[in-house]
Amino acid sequence: MKRSAIIAASGVMFAFSGAAMADGQSIYQSGTSPTCASCHDRGTAGAPKVNAPGDWDGIDLDAEALVESTMDGKGAMPAYSGRADRDEIKAAVEYMLSTIE
């Protein structure tokens, strides 16, 4: 029981600690809600999918430009400015780009 409580507490710390969420794939899958994965896994509302290079045709693949779009919001994607850490968004964007190279 004690171990479960420690694991649960660690999960809460992970969810709220920007420093703990260092890798892009974790942020992509379970970062700020809605998560990147909630739309980019399925292509919801025209979101380009991870692991689908053709979905990204015609999109500027500059990581900083994509971070700006994410922070400001674009199309059906809400703005993440004030809701998510910019460095975490950048890590998630870099992970997404790594799946289409």
Protein backbone atom coordinates (compact mmCIF):
# COMPACT_ATOMS: atom_id res chain seq x y z
CA MET A 1 0.00 0.00 0.00
CA LYS A 2 2.77 2.41 0.94
CA ARG A 3 4.52 1.74 -2.37
CA SER A 4 1.31 2.52 -4.29
CA ALA A 5 0.99 5.85 -2.53
CA ILE A 6 4.57 6.75 -3.41
CA ILE A 7 4.05 5.78 -7.04
CA ALA A 8 0.81 7.76 -7.21
CA ALA A 9 2.48 10.78 -5.62
CA SER A 10 5.34 10.48 -8.11
CA GLY A 11 2.80 10.53 -10.93
CA VAL A 12 1.26 13.72 -9.60
CA MET A 13 4.70 15.29 -9.33
CA PHE A 14 5.47 14.16 -12.88
CA ALA A 15 2.26 15.66 -14.21
CA PHE A 16 2.90 19.06 -12.65
CA SER A 17 6.67 19.38 -12.78
CA GLY A 18 8.06 20.86 -15.98
CA ALA A 19 11.53 19.65 -15.09
CA ALA A 20 10.32 16.07 -14.72
CA MET A 21 8.79 16.03 -18.22
CA ALA A 22 12.03 16.27 -20.12
CA ASP A 23 11.51 14.04 -23.13
CA GLY A 24 9.39 15.03 -26.08
CA GLN A 25 7.58 11.72 -26.50
CA SER A 26 6.28 11.82 -22.92
CA ILE A 27 5.14 15.40 -23.34
CA TYR A 28 3.51 14.52 -26.68
CA GLN A 29 1.59 11.65 -25.06
CA SER A 30 0.67 13.11 -21.69
CA GLY A 31 1.47 16.82 -21.51
CA THR A 32 -1.02 19.66 -21.22
CA SER A 33 -4.60 18.71 -22.09
CA PRO A 34 -5.59 18.33 -24.79
CA THR A 35 -2.42 16.40 -25.42
CA CYS A 36 -0.63 16.52 -28.75
CA ALA A 37 -1.41 12.82 -29.18
CA SER A 38 -5.14 13.35 -28.79
CA CYS A 39 -5.24 14.96 -32.25
CA HIS A 40 -1.95 14.14 -33.95
CA ASP A 41 -2.28 10.36 -33.47
CA ARG A 42 -5.55 10.30 -35.45
CA GLY A 43 -5.39 13.42 -37.60
CA THR A 44 -8.34 15.00 -35.80
CA ALA A 45 -9.58 18.21 -37.47
CA GLY A 46 -6.87 17.95 -40.12
CA ALA A 47 -3.94 17.75 -37.69
CA PRO A 48 -0.90 16.23 -39.42
CA LYS A 49 -0.28 12.77 -37.96
CA VAL A 50 2.95 11.52 -36.46
CA ASN A 51 4.61 8.78 -38.49
CA ALA A 52 2.82 10.05 -41.63
CA PRO A 53 5.27 12.18 -43.67
CA GLY A 54 2.69 12.91 -46.38
CA ASP A 55 0.46 14.66 -43.85
CA TRP A 56 3.18 17.26 -43.36
CA ASP A 57 3.54 18.19 -47.03
CA GLY A 58 3.23 21.95 -47.43
CA ILE A 59 3.86 22.64 -43.73
CA ASP A 60 6.90 24.63 -42.66
CA LEU A 61 8.92 22.04 -40.71
CA ASP A 62 10.97 24.62 -38.84
CA ALA A 63 10.69 23.64 -35.17
CA GLU A 64 10.56 27.25 -33.95
CA ALA A 65 7.77 28.12 -36.42
CA LEU A 66 5.77 25.10 -35.22
CA VAL A 67 6.34 26.07 -31.59
CA GLU A 68 5.00 29.56 -32.39
CA SER A 69 1.92 28.06 -34.09
CA THR A 70 1.33 25.86 -31.07
CA MET A 71 1.73 28.69 -28.57
CA ASP A 72 -0.59 30.95 -30.62
CA GLY A 73 -3.04 28.26 -31.74
CA LYS A 74 -3.87 27.46 -35.32
CA GLY A 75 -7.06 26.24 -36.94
CA ALA A 76 -8.78 23.87 -34.52
CA MET A 77 -5.71 23.67 -32.27
CA PRO A 78 -6.10 25.81 -29.15
CA ALA A 79 -3.38 28.25 -28.08
CA TYR A 80 -1.03 26.77 -25.52
CA SER A 81 0.49 30.08 -24.44
CA GLY A 82 -0.04 30.37 -20.69
CA ARG A 83 -1.11 26.71 -20.54
CA ALA A 84 2.14 24.94 -21.37
CA ASP A 85 5.85 25.51 -20.99
CA ARG A 86 7.47 26.65 -24.23
CA ASP A 87 10.46 24.31 -23.77
CA GLU A 88 8.11 21.35 -23.30
CA ILE A 89 6.19 22.31 -26.45
CA LYS A 90 9.49 22.50 -28.32
CA ALA A 91 10.48 19.03 -27.09
CA ALA A 92 7.11 17.63 -28.21
CA VAL A 93 7.42 19.33 -31.62
CA GLU A 94 10.92 17.92 -32.06
CA TYR A 95 9.63 14.45 -31.19
CA MET A 96 6.82 14.79 -33.75
CA LEU A 97 9.25 15.93 -36.43
CA SER A 98 11.54 12.99 -35.64
CA THR A 99 8.73 10.59 -36.59
CA ILE A 100 8.48 11.93 -40.12
CA GLU A 101 12.17 12.23 -41.06
